[in-house]
């Protein structure tokens, strides 16, 4: 039962962080491209790589901490479903170039973020 509480709290905090960062990106870069979603997904991938690598290989973290950080916090923070919806919406509106850039940029940024995070986690 404790795990559920930790996931619940982490998920709420992650969702709030996503909302704030998405709003910040919206104000900073405008709405012509979903920069907020791209930034959130890339950072989420960086953090999951960093956390899983460091928590499994370098530090013996409690299972509750790992559940809180990965399933809860990062699960609430990342927005892959939003990415999917926004990409389909761009395609429906005939914005094939923007949709294609969003797919390629998101995939590249998330894979690179995970790779950098995993390598950084090994250094901690």
Protein backbone atom coordinates (compact mmCIF):
# COMPACT_ATOMS: atom_id res chain seq x y z
CA UNK A 1 0.00 0.00 0.00
CA UNK A 2 2.93 2.33 0.67
CA UNK A 3 4.03 1.97 -2.95
CA UNK A 4 0.68 3.32 -4.17
CA UNK A 5 1.02 6.39 -1.97
CA UNK A 6 4.55 7.06 -3.20
CA UNK A 7 3.46 6.67 -6.84
CA UNK A 8 0.46 8.94 -6.23
CA UNK A 9 2.53 11.71 -4.66
CA UNK A 10 5.31 11.42 -7.23
CA UNK A 11 2.82 11.41 -10.11
CA UNK A 12 1.18 14.58 -8.83
CA UNK A 13 4.51 16.36 -8.46
CA UNK A 14 5.61 15.19 -11.90
CA UNK A 15 2.38 16.41 -13.48
CA UNK A 16 2.79 19.81 -11.82
CA UNK A 17 6.38 20.05 -13.10
CA UNK A 18 5.20 19.12 -16.61
CA UNK A 19 2.44 21.73 -16.49
CA UNK A 20 4.85 24.44 -15.34
CA UNK A 21 7.57 23.61 -17.88
CA UNK A 22 5.06 23.26 -20.72
CA UNK A 23 3.60 26.67 -19.86
CA UNK A 24 7.05 28.20 -19.65
CA UNK A 25 7.98 26.85 -23.08
CA UNK A 26 4.64 28.01 -24.49
CA UNK A 27 5.29 31.57 -23.27
CA UNK A 28 8.91 31.54 -24.34
CA UNK A 29 8.68 29.90 -27.78
CA UNK A 30 5.05 30.31 -28.84
CA UNK A 31 2.57 27.74 -30.05
CA UNK A 32 3.62 27.04 -33.63
CA UNK A 33 5.52 23.91 -32.49
CA UNK A 34 5.03 21.80 -29.33
CA UNK A 35 8.38 22.73 -27.76
CA UNK A 36 7.09 22.15 -24.23
CA UNK A 37 6.22 18.53 -24.96
CA UNK A 38 9.54 17.94 -26.70
CA UNK A 39 11.50 19.46 -23.81
CA UNK A 40 9.55 17.50 -21.18
CA UNK A 41 9.98 14.18 -23.01
CA UNK A 42 13.71 14.75 -23.60
CA UNK A 43 14.30 15.72 -19.96
CA UNK A 44 12.19 12.80 -18.75
CA UNK A 45 14.31 10.42 -20.80
CA UNK A 46 17.51 12.01 -19.51
CA UNK A 47 16.31 11.69 -15.92
CA UNK A 48 15.09 8.09 -16.28
CA UNK A 49 18.46 7.10 -17.72
CA UNK A 50 20.31 8.93 -14.98
CA UNK A 51 18.14 7.60 -12.17
CA UNK A 52 17.94 3.98 -13.27
CA UNK A 53 21.65 3.81 -14.01
CA UNK A 54 22.74 5.43 -10.77
CA UNK A 55 20.11 3.81 -8.54
CA UNK A 56 20.74 0.30 -9.86
CA UNK A 57 24.48 0.41 -10.46
CA UNK A 58 25.96 2.95 -8.04
CA UNK A 59 23.61 3.47 -5.13
CA UNK A 60 21.44 1.01 -3.31
CA UNK A 61 18.20 2.97 -3.24
CA UNK A 62 15.16 1.70 -1.45
CA UNK A 63 12.46 0.22 -3.68
CA UNK A 64 10.07 2.94 -2.46
CA UNK A 65 12.44 5.69 -3.60
CA UNK A 66 12.83 4.09 -7.03
CA UNK A 67 9.05 3.69 -7.38
CA UNK A 68 8.50 7.31 -6.28
CA UNK A 69 11.08 8.74 -8.69
CA UNK A 70 10.57 6.59 -11.78
CA UNK A 71 6.95 5.42 -11.88
CA UNK A 72 5.57 8.35 -9.91
CA UNK A 73 7.55 11.51 -10.59
CA UNK A 74 8.80 10.72 -14.10
CA UNK A 75 5.60 8.91 -15.05
CA UNK A 76 3.65 12.05 -14.20
CA UNK A 77 6.24 14.29 -15.84
CA UNK A 78 6.68 12.73 -19.27
CA UNK A 79 4.04 13.32 -21.87
CA UNK A 80 4.35 10.77 -24.62
CA UNK A 81 0.59 10.55 -25.01
CA UNK A 82 0.50 14.32 -25.49
CA UNK A 83 3.28 14.01 -28.07
CA UNK A 84 1.20 11.47 -29.97
CA UNK A 85 -1.93 13.59 -29.90
CA UNK A 86 -0.12 16.76 -31.00
CA UNK A 87 1.61 14.93 -33.84
CA UNK A 88 -1.67 13.48 -35.13
CA UNK A 89 -3.30 16.92 -34.80
CA UNK A 90 -0.53 18.47 -36.92
CA UNK A 91 -1.01 15.76 -39.55
CA UNK A 92 -4.78 16.38 -39.59
CA UNK A 93 -4.12 20.08 -40.13
CA UNK A 94 -1.83 19.28 -43.06
CA UNK A 95 1.34 20.29 -41.22
CA UNK A 96 3.30 17.27 -42.42
CA UNK A 97 6.67 19.02 -42.09
CA UNK A 98 6.05 20.04 -38.46
CA UNK A 99 4.72 16.58 -37.61
CA UNK A 100 7.77 14.94 -39.17
CA UNK A 101 10.18 17.27 -37.36
CA UNK A 102 8.34 16.60 -34.10
CA UNK A 103 8.67 12.82 -34.55
CA UNK A 104 12.35 12.93 -35.49
CA UNK A 105 13.33 15.55 -32.90
CA UNK A 106 11.43 13.80 -30.10
CA UNK A 107 12.88 10.40 -30.88
CA UNK A 108 16.44 11.71 -31.23
CA UNK A 109 16.25 13.93 -28.12
CA UNK A 110 14.73 11.18 -25.98
CA UNK A 111 17.20 8.50 -27.04
CA UNK A 112 20.13 10.87 -26.58
CA UNK A 113 18.75 12.02 -23.23
CA UNK A 114 18.48 8.45 -21.99
CA UNK A 115 22.00 7.64 -23.22
CA UNK A 116 23.51 10.75 -21.59
CA UNK A 117 21.58 10.09 -18.39
CA UNK A 118 22.77 6.48 -18.19
CA UNK A 119 26.38 7.53 -18.70
CA UNK A 120 26.11 10.37 -16.22
CA UNK A 121 24.54 7.97 -13.72
CA UNK A 122 27.61 5.76 -13.90
CA UNK A 123 29.80 8.71 -12.89
CA UNK A 124 27.88 9.52 -9.70
